[in-house]
PDB file of N, CA and C in Angstrom:
ATOM      1  N   MET A   1     103.546 121.040  88.830  1.00  0.00           N
ATOM      2  CA  MET A   1     104.559 119.998  88.823  1.00  0.00           C
ATOM      3  C   MET A   1     104.054 118.868  89.739  1.00  0.00           C
ATOM      4  N   ASP A   2     104.085 117.639  89.210  1.00  0.00           N
ATOM      5  CA  ASP A   2     103.695 116.476  89.974  1.00  0.00           C
ATOM      6  C   ASP A   2     104.846 115.996  90.808  1.00  0.00           C
ATOM      7  N   THR A   3     104.486 115.304  91.948  1.00  0.00           N
ATOM      8  CA  THR A   3     105.520 114.693  92.785  1.00  0.00           C
ATOM      9  C   THR A   3     105.918 113.329  92.222  1.00  0.00           C
ATOM     10  N   ASP A   4     107.206 113.118  92.096  1.00  0.00           N
ATOM     11  CA  ASP A   4     107.726 111.832  91.661  1.00  0.00           C
ATOM     12  C   ASP A   4     107.630 110.834  92.852  1.00  0.00           C
ATOM     13  N   LEU A   5     106.804 109.821  92.663  1.00  0.00           N
ATOM     14  CA  LEU A   5     106.518 108.825  93.718  1.00  0.00           C
ATOM     15  C   LEU A   5     107.617 107.737  93.632  1.00  0.00           C
ATOM     16  N   VAL A   6     108.755 108.034  94.254  1.00  0.00           N
ATOM     17  CA  VAL A   6     109.934 107.179  94.151  1.00  0.00           C
ATOM     18  C   VAL A   6     109.685 105.771  94.724  1.00  0.00           C
ATOM     19  N   TYR A   7     108.812 105.658  95.708  1.00  0.00           N
ATOM     20  CA  TYR A   7     108.526 104.372  96.312  1.00  0.00           C
ATOM     21  C   TYR A   7     107.925 103.359  95.304  1.00  0.00           C
ATOM     22  N   LEU A   8     107.309 103.899  94.235  1.00  0.00           N
ATOM     23  CA  LEU A   8     106.767 102.968  93.231  1.00  0.00           C
ATOM     24  C   LEU A   8     107.856 102.200  92.485  1.00  0.00           C
ATOM     25  N   ARG A   9     109.052 102.770  92.407  1.00  0.00           N
ATOM     26  CA  ARG A   9     110.161 102.114  91.715  1.00  0.00           C
ATOM     27  C   ARG A   9     111.044 101.326  92.669  1.00  0.00           C
ATOM     28  N   ASP A  10     111.109 101.738  93.963  1.00  0.00           N
ATOM     29  CA  ASP A  10     111.938 101.047  94.922  1.00  0.00           C
ATOM     30  C   ASP A  10     111.274 101.180  96.326  1.00  0.00           C
ATOM     31  N   ALA A  11     110.537 100.116  96.654  1.00  0.00           N
ATOM     32  CA  ALA A  11     109.771 100.115  97.928  1.00  0.00           C
ATOM     33  C   ALA A  11     110.690  99.991  99.149  1.00  0.00           C
ATOM     34  N   TYR A  12     111.954  99.667  98.915  1.00  0.00           N
ATOM     35  CA  TYR A  12     112.935  99.490 100.011  1.00  0.00           C
ATOM     36  C   TYR A  12     113.786 100.753 100.236  1.00  0.00           C
ATOM     37  N   LEU A  13     113.599 101.806  99.417  1.00  0.00           N
ATOM     38  CA  LEU A  13     114.328 103.035  99.640  1.00  0.00           C
ATOM     39  C   LEU A  13     113.724 103.778 100.862  1.00  0.00           C
ATOM     40  N   THR A  14     114.589 104.204 101.772  1.00  0.00           N
ATOM     41  CA  THR A  14     114.073 104.816 103.015  1.00  0.00           C
ATOM     42  C   THR A  14     114.237 106.310 103.070  1.00  0.00           C
ATOM     43  N   GLU A  15     115.002 106.887 102.131  1.00  0.00           N
ATOM     44  CA  GLU A  15     115.156 108.347 102.136  1.00  0.00           C
ATOM     45  C   GLU A  15     115.541 108.821 100.767  1.00  0.00           C
ATOM     46  N   VAL A  16     115.276 110.096 100.491  1.00  0.00           N
ATOM     47  CA  VAL A  16     115.600 110.673  99.250  1.00  0.00           C
ATOM     48  C   VAL A  16     115.699 112.197  99.431  1.00  0.00           C
ATOM     49  N   ASP A  17     116.632 112.818  98.690  1.00  0.00           N
ATOM     50  CA  ASP A  17     116.704 114.266  98.681  1.00  0.00           C
ATOM     51  C   ASP A  17     115.547 114.813  97.861  1.00  0.00           C
ATOM     52  N   ALA A  18     114.875 115.821  98.342  1.00  0.00           N
ATOM     53  CA  ALA A  18     113.758 116.409  97.649  1.00  0.00           C
ATOM     54  C   ALA A  18     113.727 117.941  97.867  1.00  0.00           C
ATOM     55  N   GLU A  19     113.001 118.602  96.957  1.00  0.00           N
ATOM     56  CA  GLU A  19     112.805 120.022  97.071  1.00  0.00           C
ATOM     57  C   GLU A  19     111.346 120.339  97.410  1.00  0.00           C
ATOM     58  N   VAL A  20     111.110 121.284  98.243  1.00  0.00           N
ATOM     59  CA  VAL A  20     109.748 121.742  98.554  1.00  0.00           C
ATOM     60  C   VAL A  20     109.265 122.568  97.321  1.00  0.00           C
ATOM     61  N   ILE A  21     108.120 122.153  96.752  1.00  0.00           N
ATOM     62  CA  ILE A  21     107.591 122.864  95.617  1.00  0.00           C
ATOM     63  C   ILE A  21     106.352 123.653  95.916  1.00  0.00           C
ATOM     64  N   ASP A  22     105.779 123.463  97.109  1.00  0.00           N
ATOM     65  CA  ASP A  22     104.587 124.173  97.474  1.00  0.00           C
ATOM     66  C   ASP A  22     104.421 124.134  98.982  1.00  0.00           C
ATOM     67  N   VAL A  23     103.947 125.233  99.610  1.00  0.00           N
ATOM     68  CA  VAL A  23     103.689 125.269 101.047  1.00  0.00           C
ATOM     69  C   VAL A  23     102.323 125.892 101.263  1.00  0.00           C
ATOM     70  N   ASP A  24     101.527 125.286 102.138  1.00  0.00           N
ATOM     71  CA  ASP A  24     100.285 125.869 102.556  1.00  0.00           C
ATOM     72  C   ASP A  24     100.411 126.038 104.127  1.00  0.00           C
ATOM     73  N   ALA A  25     100.779 127.280 104.502  1.00  0.00           N
ATOM     74  CA  ALA A  25     101.006 127.545 105.939  1.00  0.00           C
ATOM     75  C   ALA A  25      99.722 127.371 106.764  1.00  0.00           C
ATOM     76  N   GLU A  26      98.593 127.768 106.162  1.00  0.00           N
ATOM     77  CA  GLU A  26      97.353 127.623 106.894  1.00  0.00           C
ATOM     78  C   GLU A  26      96.965 126.148 107.184  1.00  0.00           C
ATOM     79  N   GLU A  27      97.160 125.323 106.189  1.00  0.00           N
ATOM     80  CA  GLU A  27      96.901 123.871 106.343  1.00  0.00           C
ATOM     81  C   GLU A  27      98.041 123.137 106.979  1.00  0.00           C
ATOM     82  N   ARG A  28      99.189 123.788 107.128  1.00  0.00           N
ATOM     83  CA  ARG A  28     100.414 123.171 107.662  1.00  0.00           C
ATOM     84  C   ARG A  28     100.794 121.961 106.816  1.00  0.00           C
ATOM     85  N   THR A  29     100.789 122.169 105.485  1.00  0.00           N
ATOM     86  CA  THR A  29     101.175 121.106 104.586  1.00  0.00           C
ATOM     87  C   THR A  29     102.218 121.609 103.586  1.00  0.00           C
ATOM     88  N   LEU A  30     102.896 120.685 102.954  1.00  0.00           N
ATOM     89  CA  LEU A  30     103.841 121.028 101.884  1.00  0.00           C
ATOM     90  C   LEU A  30     103.860 119.966 100.851  1.00  0.00           C
ATOM     91  N   ALA A  31     104.348 120.302  99.678  1.00  0.00           N
ATOM     92  CA  ALA A  31     104.484 119.342  98.602  1.00  0.00           C
ATOM     93  C   ALA A  31     105.958 119.263  98.201  1.00  0.00           C
ATOM     94  N   LEU A  32     106.389 118.051  97.867  1.00  0.00           N
ATOM     95  CA  LEU A  32     107.778 117.848  97.489  1.00  0.00           C
ATOM     96  C   LEU A  32     107.848 117.460  96.008  1.00  0.00           C
ATOM     97  N   ASP A  33     109.027 117.692  95.390  1.00  0.00           N
ATOM     98  CA  ASP A  33     109.207 117.252  94.002  1.00  0.00           C
ATOM     99  C   ASP A  33     109.342 115.744  93.858  1.00  0.00           C
ATOM    100  N   ARG A  34     109.756 115.071  94.947  1.00  0.00           N
ATOM    101  CA  ARG A  34     109.887 113.598  94.911  1.00  0.00           C
ATOM    102  C   ARG A  34     109.711 113.108  96.358  1.00  0.00           C
ATOM    103  N   THR A  35     109.258 111.832  96.506  1.00  0.00           N
ATOM    104  CA  THR A  35     109.013 111.368  97.836  1.00  0.00           C
ATOM    105  C   THR A  35     109.158 109.853  97.952  1.00  0.00           C
ATOM    106  N   VAL A  36     109.587 109.385  99.112  1.00  0.00           N
ATOM    107  CA  VAL A  36     109.561 107.976  99.427  1.00  0.00           C
ATOM    108  C   VAL A  36     108.413 107.636 100.392  1.00  0.00           C
ATOM    109  N   PHE A  37     107.674 108.643 100.810  1.00  0.00           N
ATOM    110  CA  PHE A  37     106.509 108.441 101.691  1.00  0.00           C
ATOM    111  C   PHE A  37     105.302 107.914 100.941  1.00  0.00           C
ATOM    112  N   TYR A  38     104.842 106.767 101.388  1.00  0.00           N
ATOM    113  CA  TYR A  38     103.631 106.151 100.798  1.00  0.00           C
ATOM    114  C   TYR A  38     102.404 106.850 101.386  1.00  0.00           C
ATOM    115  N   ALA A  39     101.536 107.319 100.514  1.00  0.00           N
ATOM    116  CA  ALA A  39     100.321 108.006 100.983  1.00  0.00           C
ATOM    117  C   ALA A  39      99.182 107.014 101.239  1.00  0.00           C
ATOM    118  N   THR A  40      98.301 107.332 102.153  1.00  0.00           N
ATOM    119  CA  THR A  40      97.127 106.518 102.384  1.00  0.00           C
ATOM    120  C   THR A  40      96.372 106.301 101.145  1.00  0.00           C
ATOM    121  N   GLY A  41      95.994 105.087 100.904  1.00  0.00           N
ATOM    122  CA  GLY A  41      95.218 104.774  99.691  1.00  0.00           C
ATOM    123  C   GLY A  41      95.007 103.281  99.556  1.00  0.00           C
ATOM    124  N   GLY A  42      93.862 102.921  99.012  1.00  0.00           N
ATOM    125  CA  GLY A  42      93.545 101.525  98.761  1.00  0.00           C
ATOM    126  C   GLY A  42      93.467 100.697 100.013  1.00  0.00           C
ATOM    127  N   GLY A  43      93.153 101.353 101.144  1.00  0.00           N
ATOM    128  CA  GLY A  43      93.027 100.635 102.426  1.00  0.00           C
ATOM    129  C   GLY A  43      94.392 100.526 103.157  1.00  0.00           C
ATOM    130  N   GLU A  44      95.454 100.951 102.512  1.00  0.00           N
ATOM    131  CA  GLU A  44      96.777 100.871 103.194  1.00  0.00           C
ATOM    132  C   GLU A  44      97.041 102.151 103.950  1.00  0.00           C
ATOM    133  N   PRO A  45      97.560 102.061 105.165  1.00  0.00           N
ATOM    134  CA  PRO A  45      97.937 103.243 105.935  1.00  0.00           C
ATOM    135  C   PRO A  45      99.192 103.911 105.362  1.00  0.00           C
ATOM    136  N   HIS A  46      99.300 105.192 105.615  1.00  0.00           N
ATOM    137  CA  HIS A  46     100.431 105.985 105.133  1.00  0.00           C
ATOM    138  C   HIS A  46     101.696 105.778 105.939  1.00  0.00           C
ATOM    139  N   ASP A  47     102.820 106.118 105.404  1.00  0.00           N
ATOM    140  CA  ASP A  47     104.078 106.113 106.091  1.00  0.00           C
ATOM    141  C   ASP A  47     104.135 107.268 107.124  1.00  0.00           C
ATOM    142  N   THR A  48     104.989 107.098 108.078  1.00  0.00           N
ATOM    143  CA  THR A  48     105.359 108.158 108.993  1.00  0.00           C
ATOM    144  C   THR A  48     106.854 108.326 108.926  1.00  0.00           C
ATOM    145  N   GLY A  49     107.411 109.330 109.535  1.00  0.00           N
ATOM    146  CA  GLY A  49     108.868 109.465 109.553  1.00  0.00           C
ATOM    147  C   GLY A  49     109.226 110.898 109.893  1.00  0.00           C
ATOM    148  N   VAL A  50     110.295 111.379 109.286  1.00  0.00           N
ATOM    149  CA  VAL A  50     110.795 112.756 109.569  1.00  0.00           C
ATOM    150  C   VAL A  50     111.142 113.444 108.280  1.00  0.00           C
ATOM    151  N   LEU A  51     110.933 114.744 108.309  1.00  0.00           N
ATOM    152  CA  LEU A  51     111.278 115.602 107.177  1.00  0.00           C
ATOM    153  C   LEU A  51     111.909 116.848 107.743  1.00  0.00           C
ATOM    154  N   ALA A  52     113.183 117.037 107.438  1.00  0.00           N
ATOM    155  CA  ALA A  52     113.931 118.193 107.993  1.00  0.00           C
ATOM    156  C   ALA A  52     113.844 118.200 109.526  1.00  0.00           C
ATOM    157  N   GLY A  53     113.880 117.047 110.133  1.00  0.00           N
ATOM    158  CA  GLY A  53     113.883 116.955 111.580  1.00  0.00           C
ATOM    159  C   GLY A  53     112.508 117.067 112.225  1.00  0.00           C
ATOM    160  N   LEU A  54     111.461 117.285 111.406  1.00  0.00           N
ATOM    161  CA  LEU A  54     110.121 117.430 111.907  1.00  0.00           C
ATOM    162  C   LEU A  54     109.315 116.137 111.646  1.00  0.00           C
ATOM    163  N   PRO A  55     108.424 115.766 112.589  1.00  0.00           N
ATOM    164  CA  PRO A  55     107.691 114.521 112.376  1.00  0.00           C
ATOM    165  C   PRO A  55     106.663 114.631 111.224  1.00  0.00           C
ATOM    166  N   VAL A  56     106.619 113.604 110.430  1.00  0.00           N
ATOM    167  CA  VAL A  56     105.630 113.472 109.380  1.00  0.00           C
ATOM    168  C   VAL A  56     104.524 112.607 109.924  1.00  0.00           C
ATOM    169  N   VAL A  57     103.321 113.159 110.128  1.00  0.00           N
ATOM    170  CA  VAL A  57     102.254 112.398 110.770  1.00  0.00           C
ATOM    171  C   VAL A  57     101.109 112.074 109.804  1.00  0.00           C
ATOM    172  N   GLY A  58     101.154 112.642 108.626  1.00  0.00           N
ATOM    173  CA  GLY A  58     100.103 112.348 107.655  1.00  0.00           C
ATOM    174  C   GLY A  58     100.681 112.535 106.260  1.00  0.00           C
ATOM    175  N   VAL A  59     100.262 111.657 105.358  1.00  0.00           N
ATOM    176  CA  VAL A  59     100.763 111.719 103.957  1.00  0.00           C
ATOM    177  C   VAL A  59      99.560 111.570 103.058  1.00  0.00           C
ATOM    178  N   ARG A  60      99.360 112.556 102.168  1.00  0.00           N
ATOM    179  CA  ARG A  60      98.299 112.443 101.196  1.00  0.00           C
ATOM    180  C   ARG A  60      98.895 112.477  99.808  1.00  0.00           C
ATOM    181  N   LYS A  61      98.160 111.873  98.862  1.00  0.00           N
ATOM    182  CA  LYS A  61      98.670 111.845  97.497  1.00  0.00           C
ATOM    183  C   LYS A  61      98.703 113.189  96.850  1.00  0.00           C
ATOM    184  N   GLU A  62      98.291 114.231  97.518  1.00  0.00           N
ATOM    185  CA  GLU A  62      98.445 115.578  96.975  1.00  0.00           C
ATOM    186  C   GLU A  62      99.879 115.926  96.913  1.00  0.00           C
ATOM    187  N   GLY A  63     100.437 115.298  96.865  1.00  0.00           N
ATOM    188  CA  GLY A  63     101.805 115.439  96.882  1.00  0.00           C
ATOM    189  C   GLY A  63     102.360 114.901  98.242  1.00  0.00           C
ATOM    190  N   GLY A  64     112.178 113.208 102.724  1.00  0.00           N
ATOM    191  CA  GLY A  64     112.579 112.910 104.073  1.00  0.00           C
ATOM    192  C   GLY A  64     113.049 111.450 104.245  1.00  0.00           C
ATOM    193  N   GLU A  65     112.789 111.143 105.196  1.00  0.00           N
ATOM    194  CA  GLU A  65     113.136 109.753 105.529  1.00  0.00           C
ATOM    195  C   GLU A  65     111.977 109.123 106.188  1.00  0.00           C
ATOM    196  N   ILE A  66     111.563 107.912 105.713  1.00  0.00           N
ATOM    197  CA  ILE A  66     110.423 107.247 106.258  1.00  0.00           C
ATOM    198  C   ILE A  66     110.795 106.444 107.507  1.00  0.00           C
ATOM    199  N   ASP A  67     109.771 106.047 108.275  1.00  0.00           N
ATOM    200  CA  ASP A  67     109.944 105.168 109.420  1.00  0.00           C
ATOM    201  C   ASP A  67     109.970 103.764 108.833  1.00  0.00           C
ATOM    202  N   TRP A  68     111.170 103.303 108.513  1.00  0.00           N
ATOM    203  CA  TRP A  68     111.342 102.016 107.777  1.00  0.00           C
ATOM    204  C   TRP A  68     110.733 100.808 108.559  1.00  0.00           C
ATOM    205  N   ASP A  69     110.895 100.775 109.834  1.00  0.00           N
ATOM    206  CA  ASP A  69     110.342  99.632 110.616  1.00  0.00           C
ATOM    207  C   ASP A  69     108.833  99.552 110.437  1.00  0.00           C
ATOM    208  N   ARG A  70     108.185 100.740 110.490  1.00  0.00           N
ATOM    209  CA  ARG A  70     106.720 100.722 110.294  1.00  0.00           C
ATOM    210  C   ARG A  70     106.381 100.306 108.869  1.00  0.00           C
ATOM    211  N   ARG A  71     107.061 100.878 107.840  1.00  0.00           N
ATOM    212  CA  ARG A  71     106.798 100.539 106.453  1.00  0.00           C
ATOM    213  C   ARG A  71     106.947  99.047 106.221  1.00  0.00           C
ATOM    214  N   HIS A  72     108.086  98.501 106.708  1.00  0.00           N
ATOM    215  CA  HIS A  72     108.370  97.073 106.469  1.00  0.00           C
ATOM    216  C   HIS A  72     107.347  96.191 107.146  1.00  0.00           C
ATOM    217  N   ALA A  73     106.955  96.542 108.365  1.00  0.00           N
ATOM    218  CA  ALA A  73     105.940  95.778 109.092  1.00  0.00           C
ATOM    219  C   ALA A  73     104.591  95.809 108.328  1.00  0.00           C
ATOM    220  N   LEU A  74     104.239  96.984 107.770  1.00  0.00           N
ATOM    221  CA  LEU A  74     102.984  97.110 107.018  1.00  0.00           C
ATOM    222  C   LEU A  74     103.047  96.255 105.748  1.00  0.00           C
ATOM    223  N   MET A  75     104.221  96.286 105.083  1.00  0.00           N
ATOM    224  CA  MET A  75     104.385  95.503 103.863  1.00  0.00           C
ATOM    225  C   MET A  75     104.230  93.987 104.180  1.00  0.00           C
ATOM    226  N   ARG A  76     104.836  93.534 105.265  1.00  0.00           N
ATOM    227  CA  ARG A  76     104.744  92.157 105.626  1.00  0.00           C
ATOM    228  C   ARG A  76     103.357  91.781 106.022  1.00  0.00           C
ATOM    229  N   THR A  77     102.673  92.634 106.776  1.00  0.00           N
ATOM    230  CA  THR A  77     101.277  92.345 107.177  1.00  0.00           C
ATOM    231  C   THR A  77     100.370  92.307 105.938  1.00  0.00           C
ATOM    232  N   HIS A  78     100.560  93.245 105.027  1.00  0.00           N
ATOM    233  CA  HIS A  78      99.732  93.274 103.822  1.00  0.00           C
ATOM    234  C   HIS A  78      99.883  91.943 103.049  1.00  0.00           C
ATOM    235  N   THR A  79     101.129  91.517 102.878  1.00  0.00           N
ATOM    236  CA  THR A  79     101.340  90.260 102.141  1.00  0.00           C
ATOM    237  C   THR A  79     100.739  89.080 102.888  1.00  0.00           C
ATOM    238  N   ALA A  80     100.929  89.051 104.181  1.00  0.00           N
ATOM    239  CA  ALA A  80     100.407  87.949 104.975  1.00  0.00           C
ATOM    240  C   ALA A  80      98.887  87.890 104.903  1.00  0.00           C
ATOM    241  N   LEU A  81      98.226  89.045 104.888  1.00  0.00           N
ATOM    242  CA  LEU A  81      96.771  89.045 104.766  1.00  0.00           C
ATOM    243  C   LEU A  81      96.298  88.520 103.412  1.00  0.00           C
ATOM    244  N   HIS A  82      97.067  88.788 102.358  1.00  0.00           N
ATOM    245  CA  HIS A  82      96.734  88.237 101.062  1.00  0.00           C
ATOM    246  C   HIS A  82      96.848  86.695 101.097  1.00  0.00           C
ATOM    247  N   VAL A  83      97.876  86.203 101.751  1.00  0.00           N
ATOM    248  CA  VAL A  83      98.095  84.746 101.850  1.00  0.00           C
ATOM    249  C   VAL A  83      96.939  84.126 102.635  1.00  0.00           C
ATOM    250  N   LEU A  84      96.609  84.739 103.763  1.00  0.00           N
ATOM    251  CA  LEU A  84      95.518  84.163 104.626  1.00  0.00           C
ATOM    252  C   LEU A  84      94.199  84.227 103.949  1.00  0.00           C
ATOM    253  N   CYS A  85      93.934  85.297 103.206  1.00  0.00           N
ATOM    254  CA  CYS A  85      92.615  85.434 102.546  1.00  0.00           C
ATOM    255  C   CYS A  85      92.503  84.654 101.277  1.00  0.00           C
ATOM    256  N   GLY A  86      93.657  84.257 100.745  1.00  0.00           N
ATOM    257  CA  GLY A  86      93.651  83.548  99.454  1.00  0.00           C
ATOM    258  C   GLY A  86      93.382  82.119  99.687  1.00  0.00           C
TER     259      GLY A  86
END
């Protein structure tokens, strides 16, 4: 089952209910059925935030609530860099 990347449809959504679909205790990772967390990719840093009260410190596209202030600052910085470089 693939993770529904909710942030692709609504970049301003800060939280979503999700179900855990896989857990790797050894790697200390889990996969969700849907997410608002943006994963590192294309030179953009990943979101941070909380999931079930625990800190989210890394997000991979291998599959809570995001830190909206950080996400919004990164969005604005990304856009500003495009303007400056253009």
